[in-house]
ModelCIF file with pLDDT and N, C-alpha, C, O atoms, coordinates in Angstrom:
data_MODEL
#
_entry.id   MODEL 
#
_entity.id                         1 
_entity.type                       polymer 
_entity.pdbx_number_of_molecules   1 
#
_entity_poly.entity_id                      1 
_entity_poly.type                           'polypeptide(L)' 
_entity_poly.nstd_linkage                   no 
_entity_poly.nstd_monomer                   no 
_entity_poly.pdbx_seq_one_letter_code       EYQVGETIKVQVIDIDPYSNQISLSRRAVLPEVEE 
_entity_poly.pdbx_seq_one_letter_code_can   EYQVGETIKVQVIDIDPYSNQISLSRRAVLPEVEE 
_entity_poly.pdbx_strand_id                 A 
#
loop_
_entity_poly_seq.entity_id 
_entity_poly_seq.num 
_entity_poly_seq.mon_id 
_entity_poly_seq.hetero 
1 1  GLU n 
1 2  TYR n 
1 3  GLN n 
1 4  VAL n 
1 5  GLY n 
1 6  GLU n 
1 7  THR n 
1 8  ILE n 
1 9  LYS n 
1 10 VAL n 
1 11 GLN n 
1 12 VAL n 
1 13 ILE n 
1 14 ASP n 
1 15 ILE n 
1 16 ASP n 
1 17 PRO n 
1 18 TYR n 
1 19 SER n 
1 20 ASN n 
1 21 GLN n 
1 22 ILE n 
1 23 SER n 
1 24 LEU n 
1 25 SER n 
1 26 ARG n 
1 27 ARG n 
1 28 ALA n 
1 29 VAL n 
1 30 LEU n 
1 31 PRO n 
1 32 GLU n 
1 33 VAL n 
1 34 GLU n 
1 35 GLU n 
#
_struct_asym.id          A 
_struct_asym.entity_id   1 
#
loop_
_ma_qa_metric.id 
_ma_qa_metric.mode 
_ma_qa_metric.name 
_ma_qa_metric.software_group_id 
_ma_qa_metric.type 
1 global pLDDT . pLDDT 
2 local  pLDDT . pLDDT 
#
_ma_qa_metric_global.metric_id      1 
_ma_qa_metric_global.metric_value   87.89 
_ma_qa_metric_global.model_id       1 
_ma_qa_metric_global.ordinal_id     1 
#
loop_
_ma_qa_metric_local.label_asym_id 
_ma_qa_metric_local.label_comp_id 
_ma_qa_metric_local.label_seq_id 
_ma_qa_metric_local.metric_id 
_ma_qa_metric_local.metric_value 
_ma_qa_metric_local.model_id 
_ma_qa_metric_local.ordinal_id 
A GLU 1  2 88.00 1 1  
A TYR 2  2 92.00 1 2  
A GLN 3  2 93.00 1 3  
A VAL 4  2 94.00 1 4  
A GLY 5  2 93.00 1 5  
A GLU 6  2 94.00 1 6  
A THR 7  2 95.00 1 7  
A ILE 8  2 94.00 1 8  
A LYS 9  2 94.00 1 9  
A VAL 10 2 94.00 1 10 
A GLN 11 2 93.00 1 11 
A VAL 12 2 94.00 1 12 
A ILE 13 2 93.00 1 13 
A ASP 14 2 93.00 1 14 
A ILE 15 2 91.00 1 15 
A ASP 16 2 90.00 1 16 
A PRO 17 2 86.00 1 17 
A TYR 18 2 88.00 1 18 
A SER 19 2 86.00 1 19 
A ASN 20 2 85.00 1 20 
A GLN 21 2 91.00 1 21 
A ILE 22 2 93.00 1 22 
A SER 23 2 94.00 1 23 
A LEU 24 2 95.00 1 24 
A SER 25 2 93.00 1 25 
A ARG 26 2 92.00 1 26 
A ARG 27 2 90.00 1 27 
A ALA 28 2 89.00 1 28 
A VAL 29 2 90.00 1 29 
A LEU 30 2 86.00 1 30 
A PRO 31 2 80.00 1 31 
A GLU 32 2 72.00 1 32 
A VAL 33 2 62.00 1 33 
A GLU 34 2 59.00 1 34 
A GLU 35 2 60.00 1 35 
#
loop_
_atom_site.group_PDB 
_atom_site.id 
_atom_site.type_symbol 
_atom_site.label_atom_id 
_atom_site.label_alt_id 
_atom_site.label_comp_id 
_atom_site.label_asym_id 
_atom_site.label_entity_id 
_atom_site.label_seq_id 
_atom_site.pdbx_PDB_ins_code 
_atom_site.Cartn_x 
_atom_site.Cartn_y 
_atom_site.Cartn_z 
_atom_site.occupancy 
_atom_site.B_iso_or_equiv 
_atom_site.pdbx_formal_charge 
_atom_site.auth_seq_id 
_atom_site.auth_comp_id 
_atom_site.auth_asym_id 
_atom_site.auth_atom_id 
_atom_site.pdbx_PDB_model_num 
ATOM 1   N N  . GLU A 1 1  ? -57.871 3.894  -1.570 1.00 88.00 ? 1  GLU A N  1 
ATOM 2   C CA . GLU A 1 1  ? -58.819 4.813  -2.086 1.00 88.00 ? 1  GLU A CA 1 
ATOM 3   C C  . GLU A 1 1  ? -58.252 7.000  -2.210 1.00 88.00 ? 1  GLU A C  1 
ATOM 4   O O  . GLU A 1 1  ? -58.605 8.085  -2.671 1.00 88.00 ? 1  GLU A O  1 
ATOM 5   N N  . TYR A 1 2  ? -56.966 6.152  -1.216 1.00 92.00 ? 2  TYR A N  1 
ATOM 6   C CA . TYR A 1 2  ? -56.551 8.181  -1.773 1.00 92.00 ? 2  TYR A CA 1 
ATOM 7   C C  . TYR A 1 2  ? -55.532 7.514  -2.840 1.00 92.00 ? 2  TYR A C  1 
ATOM 8   O O  . TYR A 1 2  ? -55.257 6.378  -3.228 1.00 92.00 ? 2  TYR A O  1 
ATOM 9   N N  . GLN A 1 3  ? -55.107 8.902  -3.113 1.00 93.00 ? 3  GLN A N  1 
ATOM 10  C CA . GLN A 1 3  ? -53.506 8.663  -3.984 1.00 93.00 ? 3  GLN A CA 1 
ATOM 11  C C  . GLN A 1 3  ? -52.936 10.627 -2.939 1.00 93.00 ? 3  GLN A C  1 
ATOM 12  O O  . GLN A 1 3  ? -53.618 11.587 -2.580 1.00 93.00 ? 3  GLN A O  1 
ATOM 13  N N  . VAL A 1 4  ? -51.625 10.356 -2.863 1.00 94.00 ? 4  VAL A N  1 
ATOM 14  C CA . VAL A 1 4  ? -50.691 11.868 -3.123 1.00 94.00 ? 4  VAL A CA 1 
ATOM 15  C C  . VAL A 1 4  ? -50.524 12.700 -4.310 1.00 94.00 ? 4  VAL A C  1 
ATOM 16  O O  . VAL A 1 4  ? -50.123 12.224 -5.372 1.00 94.00 ? 4  VAL A O  1 
ATOM 17  N N  . GLY A 1 5  ? -50.746 13.619 -4.196 1.00 93.00 ? 5  GLY A N  1 
ATOM 18  C CA . GLY A 1 5  ? -50.916 14.833 -5.375 1.00 93.00 ? 5  GLY A CA 1 
ATOM 19  C C  . GLY A 1 5  ? -52.666 14.997 -5.239 1.00 93.00 ? 5  GLY A C  1 
ATOM 20  O O  . GLY A 1 5  ? -52.894 16.182 -5.479 1.00 93.00 ? 5  GLY A O  1 
ATOM 21  N N  . GLU A 1 6  ? -54.126 14.189 -4.915 1.00 94.00 ? 6  GLU A N  1 
ATOM 22  C CA . GLU A 1 6  ? -55.435 13.942 -4.888 1.00 94.00 ? 6  GLU A CA 1 
ATOM 23  C C  . GLU A 1 6  ? -55.581 15.644 -4.290 1.00 94.00 ? 6  GLU A C  1 
ATOM 24  O O  . GLU A 1 6  ? -54.607 16.169 -3.751 1.00 94.00 ? 6  GLU A O  1 
ATOM 25  N N  . THR A 1 7  ? -56.736 16.305 -4.440 1.00 95.00 ? 7  THR A N  1 
ATOM 26  C CA . THR A 1 7  ? -57.292 17.770 -4.058 1.00 95.00 ? 7  THR A CA 1 
ATOM 27  C C  . THR A 1 7  ? -58.325 17.320 -3.054 1.00 95.00 ? 7  THR A C  1 
ATOM 28  O O  . THR A 1 7  ? -59.330 17.559 -3.723 1.00 95.00 ? 7  THR A O  1 
ATOM 29  N N  . ILE A 1 8  ? -58.665 16.956 -2.198 1.00 94.00 ? 8  ILE A N  1 
ATOM 30  C CA . ILE A 1 8  ? -60.028 16.561 -0.944 1.00 94.00 ? 8  ILE A CA 1 
ATOM 31  C C  . ILE A 1 8  ? -59.894 17.755 -0.218 1.00 94.00 ? 8  ILE A C  1 
ATOM 32  O O  . ILE A 1 8  ? -58.897 18.404 0.099  1.00 94.00 ? 8  ILE A O  1 
ATOM 33  N N  . LYS A 1 9  ? -61.907 18.029 0.119  1.00 94.00 ? 9  LYS A N  1 
ATOM 34  C CA . LYS A 1 9  ? -62.135 18.201 0.956  1.00 94.00 ? 9  LYS A CA 1 
ATOM 35  C C  . LYS A 1 9  ? -62.082 18.037 2.499  1.00 94.00 ? 9  LYS A C  1 
ATOM 36  O O  . LYS A 1 9  ? -62.660 17.043 2.940  1.00 94.00 ? 9  LYS A O  1 
ATOM 37  N N  . VAL A 1 10 ? -61.638 18.641 3.143  1.00 94.00 ? 10 VAL A N  1 
ATOM 38  C CA . VAL A 1 10 ? -61.105 18.482 4.747  1.00 94.00 ? 10 VAL A CA 1 
ATOM 39  C C  . VAL A 1 10 ? -62.252 19.253 5.338  1.00 94.00 ? 10 VAL A C  1 
ATOM 40  O O  . VAL A 1 10 ? -62.913 20.103 4.741  1.00 94.00 ? 10 VAL A O  1 
ATOM 41  N N  . GLN A 1 11 ? -62.457 18.746 6.940  1.00 93.00 ? 11 GLN A N  1 
ATOM 42  C CA . GLN A 1 11 ? -63.146 19.900 8.321  1.00 93.00 ? 11 GLN A CA 1 
ATOM 43  C C  . GLN A 1 11 ? -61.360 20.174 8.792  1.00 93.00 ? 11 GLN A C  1 
ATOM 44  O O  . GLN A 1 11 ? -60.441 19.551 8.259  1.00 93.00 ? 11 GLN A O  1 
ATOM 45  N N  . VAL A 1 12 ? -61.131 21.433 10.093 1.00 94.00 ? 12 VAL A N  1 
ATOM 46  C CA . VAL A 1 12 ? -60.534 20.839 11.097 1.00 94.00 ? 12 VAL A CA 1 
ATOM 47  C C  . VAL A 1 12 ? -61.157 21.378 11.953 1.00 94.00 ? 12 VAL A C  1 
ATOM 48  O O  . VAL A 1 12 ? -61.571 22.503 12.233 1.00 94.00 ? 12 VAL A O  1 
ATOM 49  N N  . ILE A 1 13 ? -61.164 19.953 12.502 1.00 93.00 ? 13 ILE A N  1 
ATOM 50  C CA . ILE A 1 13 ? -61.568 18.917 13.813 1.00 93.00 ? 13 ILE A CA 1 
ATOM 51  C C  . ILE A 1 13 ? -60.674 19.750 15.352 1.00 93.00 ? 13 ILE A C  1 
ATOM 52  O O  . ILE A 1 13 ? -60.909 19.842 16.557 1.00 93.00 ? 13 ILE A O  1 
ATOM 53  N N  . ASP A 1 14 ? -59.604 20.210 14.412 1.00 93.00 ? 14 ASP A N  1 
ATOM 54  C CA . ASP A 1 14 ? -58.846 20.358 16.604 1.00 93.00 ? 14 ASP A CA 1 
ATOM 55  C C  . ASP A 1 14 ? -57.155 21.359 15.921 1.00 93.00 ? 14 ASP A C  1 
ATOM 56  O O  . ASP A 1 14 ? -56.459 21.081 14.944 1.00 93.00 ? 14 ASP A O  1 
ATOM 57  N N  . ILE A 1 15 ? -57.015 22.458 16.887 1.00 91.00 ? 15 ILE A N  1 
ATOM 58  C CA . ILE A 1 15 ? -55.341 22.448 16.502 1.00 91.00 ? 15 ILE A CA 1 
ATOM 59  C C  . ILE A 1 15 ? -55.374 22.851 17.935 1.00 91.00 ? 15 ILE A C  1 
ATOM 60  O O  . ILE A 1 15 ? -56.166 23.442 18.669 1.00 91.00 ? 15 ILE A O  1 
ATOM 61  N N  . ASP A 1 16 ? -54.134 22.266 18.049 1.00 90.00 ? 16 ASP A N  1 
ATOM 62  C CA . ASP A 1 16 ? -52.767 22.009 19.486 1.00 90.00 ? 16 ASP A CA 1 
ATOM 63  C C  . ASP A 1 16 ? -52.486 23.575 19.963 1.00 90.00 ? 16 ASP A C  1 
ATOM 64  O O  . ASP A 1 16 ? -53.651 23.890 20.208 1.00 90.00 ? 16 ASP A O  1 
ATOM 65  N N  . PRO A 1 17 ? -52.162 24.067 20.084 1.00 86.00 ? 17 PRO A N  1 
ATOM 66  C CA . PRO A 1 17 ? -52.150 25.829 21.059 1.00 86.00 ? 17 PRO A CA 1 
ATOM 67  C C  . PRO A 1 17 ? -50.699 25.148 20.566 1.00 86.00 ? 17 PRO A C  1 
ATOM 68  O O  . PRO A 1 17 ? -50.022 25.802 19.772 1.00 86.00 ? 17 PRO A O  1 
ATOM 69  N N  . TYR A 1 18 ? -50.180 23.762 21.052 1.00 88.00 ? 18 TYR A N  1 
ATOM 70  C CA . TYR A 1 18 ? -48.814 24.371 21.603 1.00 88.00 ? 18 TYR A CA 1 
ATOM 71  C C  . TYR A 1 18 ? -47.744 23.598 20.631 1.00 88.00 ? 18 TYR A C  1 
ATOM 72  O O  . TYR A 1 18 ? -46.516 23.681 20.670 1.00 88.00 ? 18 TYR A O  1 
ATOM 73  N N  . SER A 1 19 ? -48.454 22.925 19.866 1.00 86.00 ? 19 SER A N  1 
ATOM 74  C CA . SER A 1 19 ? -47.527 22.393 19.219 1.00 86.00 ? 19 SER A CA 1 
ATOM 75  C C  . SER A 1 19 ? -47.731 23.041 17.367 1.00 86.00 ? 19 SER A C  1 
ATOM 76  O O  . SER A 1 19 ? -46.908 23.314 16.494 1.00 86.00 ? 19 SER A O  1 
ATOM 77  N N  . ASN A 1 20 ? -49.109 23.072 17.417 1.00 85.00 ? 20 ASN A N  1 
ATOM 78  C CA . ASN A 1 20 ? -49.634 24.108 16.569 1.00 85.00 ? 20 ASN A CA 1 
ATOM 79  C C  . ASN A 1 20 ? -50.049 22.747 15.045 1.00 85.00 ? 20 ASN A C  1 
ATOM 80  O O  . ASN A 1 20 ? -50.253 22.836 13.834 1.00 85.00 ? 20 ASN A O  1 
ATOM 81  N N  . GLN A 1 21 ? -50.007 21.929 15.792 1.00 91.00 ? 21 GLN A N  1 
ATOM 82  C CA . GLN A 1 21 ? -50.014 20.500 14.927 1.00 91.00 ? 21 GLN A CA 1 
ATOM 83  C C  . GLN A 1 21 ? -51.797 20.904 14.220 1.00 91.00 ? 21 GLN A C  1 
ATOM 84  O O  . GLN A 1 21 ? -52.428 21.927 14.483 1.00 91.00 ? 21 GLN A O  1 
ATOM 85  N N  . ILE A 1 22 ? -52.169 19.990 13.491 1.00 93.00 ? 22 ILE A N  1 
ATOM 86  C CA . ILE A 1 22 ? -53.803 20.507 12.813 1.00 93.00 ? 22 ILE A CA 1 
ATOM 87  C C  . ILE A 1 22 ? -54.066 18.492 12.315 1.00 93.00 ? 22 ILE A C  1 
ATOM 88  O O  . ILE A 1 22 ? -53.451 17.604 11.725 1.00 93.00 ? 22 ILE A O  1 
ATOM 89  N N  . SER A 1 23 ? -55.866 18.773 13.315 1.00 94.00 ? 23 SER A N  1 
ATOM 90  C CA . SER A 1 23 ? -56.108 17.398 12.883 1.00 94.00 ? 23 SER A CA 1 
ATOM 91  C C  . SER A 1 23 ? -57.717 17.721 11.968 1.00 94.00 ? 23 SER A C  1 
ATOM 92  O O  . SER A 1 23 ? -58.653 18.514 12.079 1.00 94.00 ? 23 SER A O  1 
ATOM 93  N N  . LEU A 1 24 ? -57.366 16.682 11.134 1.00 95.00 ? 24 LEU A N  1 
ATOM 94  C CA . LEU A 1 24 ? -58.563 17.561 9.756  1.00 95.00 ? 24 LEU A CA 1 
ATOM 95  C C  . LEU A 1 24 ? -59.520 16.024 9.802  1.00 95.00 ? 24 LEU A C  1 
ATOM 96  O O  . LEU A 1 24 ? -58.982 14.924 9.679  1.00 95.00 ? 24 LEU A O  1 
ATOM 97  N N  . SER A 1 25 ? -60.562 16.161 9.943  1.00 93.00 ? 25 SER A N  1 
ATOM 98  C CA . SER A 1 25 ? -61.577 15.266 9.594  1.00 93.00 ? 25 SER A CA 1 
ATOM 99  C C  . SER A 1 25 ? -62.092 15.238 7.752  1.00 93.00 ? 25 SER A C  1 
ATOM 100 O O  . SER A 1 25 ? -62.368 16.307 7.208  1.00 93.00 ? 25 SER A O  1 
ATOM 101 N N  . ARG A 1 26 ? -62.161 13.908 6.965  1.00 92.00 ? 26 ARG A N  1 
ATOM 102 C CA . ARG A 1 26 ? -62.616 13.885 6.106  1.00 92.00 ? 26 ARG A CA 1 
ATOM 103 C C  . ARG A 1 26 ? -64.013 13.153 6.219  1.00 92.00 ? 26 ARG A C  1 
ATOM 104 O O  . ARG A 1 26 ? -64.813 12.923 5.312  1.00 92.00 ? 26 ARG A O  1 
ATOM 105 N N  . ARG A 1 27 ? -64.089 12.896 7.343  1.00 90.00 ? 27 ARG A N  1 
ATOM 106 C CA . ARG A 1 27 ? -65.699 11.903 6.960  1.00 90.00 ? 27 ARG A CA 1 
ATOM 107 C C  . ARG A 1 27 ? -66.462 13.002 6.881  1.00 90.00 ? 27 ARG A C  1 
ATOM 108 O O  . ARG A 1 27 ? -67.316 13.039 5.995  1.00 90.00 ? 27 ARG A O  1 
ATOM 109 N N  . ALA A 1 28 ? -66.258 14.483 8.090  1.00 89.00 ? 28 ALA A N  1 
ATOM 110 C CA . ALA A 1 28 ? -67.103 14.933 8.454  1.00 89.00 ? 28 ALA A CA 1 
ATOM 111 C C  . ALA A 1 28 ? -67.921 16.339 7.413  1.00 89.00 ? 28 ALA A C  1 
ATOM 112 O O  . ALA A 1 28 ? -68.527 17.380 7.668  1.00 89.00 ? 28 ALA A O  1 
ATOM 113 N N  . VAL A 1 29 ? -67.497 15.610 6.202  1.00 90.00 ? 29 VAL A N  1 
ATOM 114 C CA . VAL A 1 29 ? -67.401 16.413 4.818  1.00 90.00 ? 29 VAL A CA 1 
ATOM 115 C C  . VAL A 1 29 ? -68.364 15.991 3.784  1.00 90.00 ? 29 VAL A C  1 
ATOM 116 O O  . VAL A 1 29 ? -68.970 16.660 2.946  1.00 90.00 ? 29 VAL A O  1 
ATOM 117 N N  . LEU A 1 30 ? -68.363 14.524 4.075  1.00 86.00 ? 30 LEU A N  1 
ATOM 118 C CA . LEU A 1 30 ? -68.690 13.712 3.112  1.00 86.00 ? 30 LEU A CA 1 
ATOM 119 C C  . LEU A 1 30 ? -70.414 14.007 2.591  1.00 86.00 ? 30 LEU A C  1 
ATOM 120 O O  . LEU A 1 30 ? -71.231 14.394 3.426  1.00 86.00 ? 30 LEU A O  1 
ATOM 121 N N  . PRO A 1 31 ? -70.686 13.845 1.597  1.00 80.00 ? 31 PRO A N  1 
ATOM 122 C CA . PRO A 1 31 ? -72.067 14.240 1.431  1.00 80.00 ? 31 PRO A CA 1 
ATOM 123 C C  . PRO A 1 31 ? -73.338 13.077 2.199  1.00 80.00 ? 31 PRO A C  1 
ATOM 124 O O  . PRO A 1 31 ? -74.426 13.603 2.434  1.00 80.00 ? 31 PRO A O  1 
ATOM 125 N N  . GLU A 1 32 ? -73.194 11.681 2.535  1.00 72.00 ? 32 GLU A N  1 
ATOM 126 C CA . GLU A 1 32 ? -74.165 11.461 3.607  1.00 72.00 ? 32 GLU A CA 1 
ATOM 127 C C  . GLU A 1 32 ? -74.187 11.537 4.677  1.00 72.00 ? 32 GLU A C  1 
ATOM 128 O O  . GLU A 1 32 ? -75.057 10.998 5.360  1.00 72.00 ? 32 GLU A O  1 
ATOM 129 N N  . VAL A 1 33 ? -72.454 12.799 5.517  1.00 62.00 ? 33 VAL A N  1 
ATOM 130 C CA . VAL A 1 33 ? -72.486 12.741 7.138  1.00 62.00 ? 33 VAL A CA 1 
ATOM 131 C C  . VAL A 1 33 ? -73.690 14.371 7.170  1.00 62.00 ? 33 VAL A C  1 
ATOM 132 O O  . VAL A 1 33 ? -74.470 14.544 8.107  1.00 62.00 ? 33 VAL A O  1 
ATOM 133 N N  . GLU A 1 34 ? -73.599 15.207 6.171  1.00 59.00 ? 34 GLU A N  1 
ATOM 134 C CA . GLU A 1 34 ? -74.017 16.476 6.109  1.00 59.00 ? 34 GLU A CA 1 
ATOM 135 C C  . GLU A 1 34 ? -75.232 16.227 5.322  1.00 59.00 ? 34 GLU A C  1 
ATOM 136 O O  . GLU A 1 34 ? -75.530 17.231 4.676  1.00 59.00 ? 34 GLU A O  1 
ATOM 137 N N  . GLU A 1 35 ? -76.017 15.270 5.153  1.00 60.00 ? 35 GLU A N  1 
ATOM 138 C CA . GLU A 1 35 ? -77.094 15.394 4.972  1.00 60.00 ? 35 GLU A CA 1 
ATOM 139 C C  . GLU A 1 35 ? -77.449 14.088 5.941  1.00 60.00 ? 35 GLU A C  1 
ATOM 140 O O  . GLU A 1 35 ? -78.619 13.745 6.109  1.00 60.00 ? 35 GLU A O  1 
#
């Protein structure tokens, strides 16, 4: 479904304050979810 180098829209769903790891979500910004 996805390829390296592809640009996608995502939402930041969590940022770990200790390790600064960022969790992202693709499904949160899909058109059917927003609708």
